[in-house]
């Protein structure tokens, strides 16, 4: 093998490696920017998020000291929050339909927050909607199972 072949082989390995590292760096920066949007919103509400996580264009964060839950839908540029002192329980709400051929098709997946007050309707924060052009689930259930556990644990800590 001559030196030209070695240089060519090194470039063939290095160039794709560079692009993989660059794409990973860019993805990490985008994720950090999304999370910083929610952190800034929480700070405007005088809260400090101790746990924040994103799934696609949706974010959830919690201030455990003040028992505040924060949600962001970045597609709609929508930011919301709720005090967990007014929430009885959180659950996953799945809306599905059964096709004529038999399989079940999930149309929506929401985080449902049930109010302590019987007169107040539940709050739904959307994480998947087939009408938004996304046809396949990509970890929404696992994400929401984790967060319903975090939320319900925080609610149980607040009860006397």
C-alpha atoms as a PDB file:
ATOM      1  CA  UNK A   1       0.000   0.000   0.000  1.00  0.00           C
ATOM      2  CA  UNK A   2       1.331   3.393  -0.897  1.00  0.00           C
ATOM      3  CA  UNK A   3       0.927   6.685   0.947  1.00  0.00           C
ATOM      4  CA  UNK A   4      -1.791   7.948  -1.431  1.00  0.00           C
ATOM      5  CA  UNK A   5      -3.990   4.943  -0.690  1.00  0.00           C
ATOM      6  CA  UNK A   6      -3.501   5.423   3.059  1.00  0.00           C
ATOM      7  CA  UNK A   7      -4.451   9.106   2.866  1.00  0.00           C
ATOM      8  CA  UNK A   8      -7.485   8.282   0.732  1.00  0.00           C
ATOM      9  CA  UNK A   9      -8.573   5.553   3.186  1.00  0.00           C
ATOM     10  CA  UNK A  10      -8.110   7.892   6.157  1.00  0.00           C
ATOM     11  CA  UNK A  11     -10.274  10.526   4.468  1.00  0.00           C
ATOM     12  CA  UNK A  12     -12.945   7.936   3.695  1.00  0.00           C
ATOM     13  CA  UNK A  13     -13.149   7.165   7.405  1.00  0.00           C
ATOM     14  CA  UNK A  14     -12.702  10.700   8.769  1.00  0.00           C
ATOM     15  CA  UNK A  15     -15.246  12.577   6.624  1.00  0.00           C
ATOM     16  CA  UNK A  16     -18.315  10.485   7.573  1.00  0.00           C
ATOM     17  CA  UNK A  17     -17.121  10.469  11.181  1.00  0.00           C
ATOM     18  CA  UNK A  18     -16.963  14.265  11.141  1.00  0.00           C
ATOM     19  CA  UNK A  19     -20.545  14.500   9.854  1.00  0.00           C
ATOM     20  CA  UNK A  20     -21.814  12.094  12.525  1.00  0.00           C
ATOM     21  CA  UNK A  21     -20.132  14.136  15.264  1.00  0.00           C
ATOM     22  CA  UNK A  22     -21.460  17.389  13.750  1.00  0.00           C
ATOM     23  CA  UNK A  23     -25.052  16.101  13.524  1.00  0.00           C
ATOM     24  CA  UNK A  24     -24.917  14.804  17.097  1.00  0.00           C
ATOM     25  CA  UNK A  25     -23.603  18.189  18.318  1.00  0.00           C
ATOM     26  CA  UNK A  26     -26.325  20.037  16.406  1.00  0.00           C
ATOM     27  CA  UNK A  27     -29.029  17.733  17.809  1.00  0.00           C
ATOM     28  CA  UNK A  28     -27.746  18.273  21.364  1.00  0.00           C
ATOM     29  CA  UNK A  29     -27.769  22.053  20.888  1.00  0.00           C
ATOM     30  CA  UNK A  30     -31.361  21.981  19.582  1.00  0.00           C
ATOM     31  CA  UNK A  31     -32.465  19.889  22.559  1.00  0.00           C
ATOM     32  CA  UNK A  32     -30.762  22.282  24.994  1.00  0.00           C
ATOM     33  CA  UNK A  33     -32.427  25.267  23.297  1.00  0.00           C
ATOM     34  CA  UNK A  34     -35.861  23.632  23.657  1.00  0.00           C
ATOM     35  CA  UNK A  35     -35.280  22.895  27.333  1.00  0.00           C
ATOM     36  CA  UNK A  36     -34.018  26.442  27.933  1.00  0.00           C
ATOM     37  CA  UNK A  37     -37.318  27.791  26.507  1.00  0.00           C
ATOM     38  CA  UNK A  38     -39.246  25.925  29.205  1.00  0.00           C
ATOM     39  CA  UNK A  39     -36.751  26.885  31.931  1.00  0.00           C
ATOM     40  CA  UNK A  40     -37.133  30.562  30.988  1.00  0.00           C
ATOM     41  CA  UNK A  41     -40.937  30.284  31.101  1.00  0.00           C
ATOM     42  CA  UNK A  42     -40.727  28.636  34.544  1.00  0.00           C
ATOM     43  CA  UNK A  43     -38.439  31.406  35.808  1.00  0.00           C
ATOM     44  CA  UNK A  44     -41.020  33.966  34.674  1.00  0.00           C
ATOM     45  CA  UNK A  45     -43.450  32.148  36.997  1.00  0.00           C
ATOM     46  CA  UNK A  46     -40.861  32.277  39.827  1.00  0.00           C
ATOM     47  CA  UNK A  47     -40.132  28.560  39.608  1.00  0.00           C
ATOM     48  CA  UNK A  48     -36.954  26.547  39.284  1.00  0.00           C
ATOM     49  CA  UNK A  49     -37.243  23.346  37.253  1.00  0.00           C
ATOM     50  CA  UNK A  50     -35.387  20.446  38.838  1.00  0.00           C
ATOM     51  CA  UNK A  51     -36.419  17.907  36.228  1.00  0.00           C
ATOM     52  CA  UNK A  52     -37.058  18.650  32.554  1.00  0.00           C
ATOM     53  CA  UNK A  53     -37.447  16.313  29.614  1.00  0.00           C
ATOM     54  CA  UNK A  54     -38.416  16.668  26.006  1.00  0.00           C
ATOM     55  CA  UNK A  55     -40.090  14.359  23.528  1.00  0.00           C
ATOM     56  CA  UNK A  56     -40.062  15.645  19.971  1.00  0.00           C
ATOM     57  CA  UNK A  57     -41.583  19.149  20.210  1.00  0.00           C
ATOM     58  CA  UNK A  58     -43.149  18.645  23.644  1.00  0.00           C
ATOM     59  CA  UNK A  59     -41.558  19.353  27.010  1.00  0.00           C
ATOM     60  CA  UNK A  60     -42.462  18.637  30.617  1.00  0.00           C
ATOM     61  CA  UNK A  61     -40.759  20.067  33.660  1.00  0.00           C
ATOM     62  CA  UNK A  62     -41.404  20.086  37.386  1.00  0.00           C
ATOM     63  CA  UNK A  63     -40.523  22.358  40.264  1.00  0.00           C
ATOM     64  CA  UNK A  64     -40.737  19.919  43.162  1.00  0.00           C
ATOM     65  CA  UNK A  65     -40.230  22.598  45.821  1.00  0.00           C
ATOM     66  CA  UNK A  66     -43.275  24.609  44.704  1.00  0.00           C
ATOM     67  CA  UNK A  67     -45.139  21.599  43.236  1.00  0.00           C
ATOM     68  CA  UNK A  68     -45.559  23.251  39.851  1.00  0.00           C
ATOM     69  CA  UNK A  69     -45.787  21.349  36.571  1.00  0.00           C
ATOM     70  CA  UNK A  70     -44.826  22.986  33.265  1.00  0.00           C
ATOM     71  CA  UNK A  71     -45.693  21.964  29.699  1.00  0.00           C
ATOM     72  CA  UNK A  72     -44.620  23.276  26.323  1.00  0.00           C
ATOM     73  CA  UNK A  73     -45.880  22.492  22.838  1.00  0.00           C
ATOM     74  CA  UNK A  74     -43.210  24.087  20.673  1.00  0.00           C
ATOM     75  CA  UNK A  75     -45.118  23.470  17.407  1.00  0.00           C
ATOM     76  CA  UNK A  76     -47.876  25.742  18.649  1.00  0.00           C
ATOM     77  CA  UNK A  77     -45.510  27.912  20.724  1.00  0.00           C
ATOM     78  CA  UNK A  78     -47.751  27.153  23.701  1.00  0.00           C
ATOM     79  CA  UNK A  79     -46.521  27.194  27.303  1.00  0.00           C
ATOM     80  CA  UNK A  80     -48.706  26.197  30.258  1.00  0.00           C
ATOM     81  CA  UNK A  81     -48.308  25.441  33.933  1.00  0.00           C
ATOM     82  CA  UNK A  82     -50.383  24.164  36.810  1.00  0.00           C
ATOM     83  CA  UNK A  83     -50.001  23.926  40.543  1.00  0.00           C
ATOM     84  CA  UNK A  84     -50.110  20.287  41.573  1.00  0.00           C
ATOM     85  CA  UNK A  85     -51.949  21.335  44.729  1.00  0.00           C
ATOM     86  CA  UNK A  86     -55.085  21.541  42.556  1.00  0.00           C
ATOM     87  CA  UNK A  87     -54.520  18.145  40.897  1.00  0.00           C
ATOM     88  CA  UNK A  88     -55.878  14.875  42.272  1.00  0.00           C
ATOM     89  CA  UNK A  89     -54.149  12.497  39.855  1.00  0.00           C
ATOM     90  CA  UNK A  90     -52.443  12.300  36.486  1.00  0.00           C
ATOM     91  CA  UNK A  91     -53.138   9.593  33.927  1.00  0.00           C
ATOM     92  CA  UNK A  92     -52.473   8.801  30.292  1.00  0.00           C
ATOM     93  CA  UNK A  93     -55.506   9.328  28.056  1.00  0.00           C
ATOM     94  CA  UNK A  94     -55.372   7.447  24.773  1.00  0.00           C
ATOM     95  CA  UNK A  95     -57.956   7.945  22.053  1.00  0.00           C
ATOM     96  CA  UNK A  96     -58.065   5.142  19.500  1.00  0.00           C
ATOM     97  CA  UNK A  97     -60.351   3.634  16.930  1.00  0.00           C
ATOM     98  CA  UNK A  98     -60.630   0.128  15.558  1.00  0.00           C
ATOM     99  CA  UNK A  99     -60.407  -0.272  11.806  1.00  0.00           C
ATOM    100  CA  UNK A 100     -62.759  -2.575   9.883  1.00  0.00           C
ATOM    101  CA  UNK A 101     -59.851  -4.959   9.322  1.00  0.00           C
ATOM    102  CA  UNK A 102     -59.348  -5.269  13.078  1.00  0.00           C
ATOM    103  CA  UNK A 103     -56.232  -3.354  14.219  1.00  0.00           C
ATOM    104  CA  UNK A 104     -56.468  -0.489  16.679  1.00  0.00           C
ATOM    105  CA  UNK A 105     -55.175   2.912  15.525  1.00  0.00           C
ATOM    106  CA  UNK A 106     -54.099   5.421  18.165  1.00  0.00           C
ATOM    107  CA  UNK A 107     -55.336   8.885  17.230  1.00  0.00           C
ATOM    108  CA  UNK A 108     -54.305  10.897  20.314  1.00  0.00           C
ATOM    109  CA  UNK A 109     -52.209  10.500  23.434  1.00  0.00           C
ATOM    110  CA  UNK A 110     -52.628  13.085  26.186  1.00  0.00           C
ATOM    111  CA  UNK A 111     -51.444  13.640  29.722  1.00  0.00           C
ATOM    112  CA  UNK A 112     -54.679  13.971  31.705  1.00  0.00           C
ATOM    113  CA  UNK A 113     -54.641  15.981  34.949  1.00  0.00           C
ATOM    114  CA  UNK A 114     -57.709  15.336  37.102  1.00  0.00           C
ATOM    115  CA  UNK A 115     -58.740  18.247  39.296  1.00  0.00           C
ATOM    116  CA  UNK A 116     -59.488  18.026  43.016  1.00  0.00           C
ATOM    117  CA  UNK A 117     -62.658  19.976  42.326  1.00  0.00           C
ATOM    118  CA  UNK A 118     -65.491  17.905  40.854  1.00  0.00           C
ATOM    119  CA  UNK A 119     -66.804  21.001  39.045  1.00  0.00           C
ATOM    120  CA  UNK A 120     -63.560  21.588  37.144  1.00  0.00           C
ATOM    121  CA  UNK A 121     -62.957  19.649  33.928  1.00  0.00           C
ATOM    122  CA  UNK A 122     -59.757  17.641  33.523  1.00  0.00           C
ATOM    123  CA  UNK A 123     -56.818  19.263  31.768  1.00  0.00           C
ATOM    124  CA  UNK A 124     -55.384  17.533  28.719  1.00  0.00           C
ATOM    125  CA  UNK A 125     -51.850  18.200  27.478  1.00  0.00           C
ATOM    126  CA  UNK A 126     -51.345  16.642  24.055  1.00  0.00           C
ATOM    127  CA  UNK A 127     -48.263  14.587  23.127  1.00  0.00           C
ATOM    128  CA  UNK A 128     -49.470  12.795  19.994  1.00  0.00           C
ATOM    129  CA  UNK A 129     -52.192  13.631  17.490  1.00  0.00           C
ATOM    130  CA  UNK A 130     -52.587  11.805  14.205  1.00  0.00           C
ATOM    131  CA  UNK A 131     -54.198  14.952  12.748  1.00  0.00           C
ATOM    132  CA  UNK A 132     -50.869  16.795  13.102  1.00  0.00           C
ATOM    133  CA  UNK A 133     -49.438  14.609  10.354  1.00  0.00           C
ATOM    134  CA  UNK A 134     -47.540  12.223  12.605  1.00  0.00           C
ATOM    135  CA  UNK A 135     -48.700   8.697  11.840  1.00  0.00           C
ATOM    136  CA  UNK A 136     -46.641   6.619  14.258  1.00  0.00           C
ATOM    137  CA  UNK A 137     -46.024   6.697  17.998  1.00  0.00           C
ATOM    138  CA  UNK A 138     -42.409   7.232  18.999  1.00  0.00           C
ATOM    139  CA  UNK A 139     -42.075   6.689  22.737  1.00  0.00           C
ATOM    140  CA  UNK A 140     -45.016   8.777  23.930  1.00  0.00           C
ATOM    141  CA  UNK A 141     -46.381   6.045  26.206  1.00  0.00           C
ATOM    142  CA  UNK A 142     -43.040   5.381  27.892  1.00  0.00           C
ATOM    143  CA  UNK A 143     -42.433   9.106  28.308  1.00  0.00           C
ATOM    144  CA  UNK A 144     -45.875   9.687  29.842  1.00  0.00           C
ATOM    145  CA  UNK A 145     -45.687   6.597  32.058  1.00  0.00           C
ATOM    146  CA  UNK A 146     -42.498   7.987  33.555  1.00  0.00           C
ATOM    147  CA  UNK A 147     -44.005  11.441  34.038  1.00  0.00           C
ATOM    148  CA  UNK A 148     -47.335  10.257  35.472  1.00  0.00           C
ATOM    149  CA  UNK A 149     -45.238   8.407  38.054  1.00  0.00           C
ATOM    150  CA  UNK A 150     -43.249  11.577  38.858  1.00  0.00           C
ATOM    151  CA  UNK A 151     -46.399  13.703  39.045  1.00  0.00           C
ATOM    152  CA  UNK A 152     -48.417  11.247  41.146  1.00  0.00           C
ATOM    153  CA  UNK A 153     -45.468  10.786  43.510  1.00  0.00           C
ATOM    154  CA  UNK A 154     -45.237  14.568  43.964  1.00  0.00           C
ATOM    155  CA  UNK A 155     -49.005  14.770  44.581  1.00  0.00           C
ATOM    156  CA  UNK A 156     -48.815  12.016  47.204  1.00  0.00           C
ATOM    157  CA  UNK A 157     -45.993  13.881  49.014  1.00  0.00           C
ATOM    158  CA  UNK A 158     -48.264  16.924  49.354  1.00  0.00           C
ATOM    159  CA  UNK A 159     -51.101  15.030  51.047  1.00  0.00           C
ATOM    160  CA  UNK A 160     -51.116  15.227  54.866  1.00  0.00           C
END
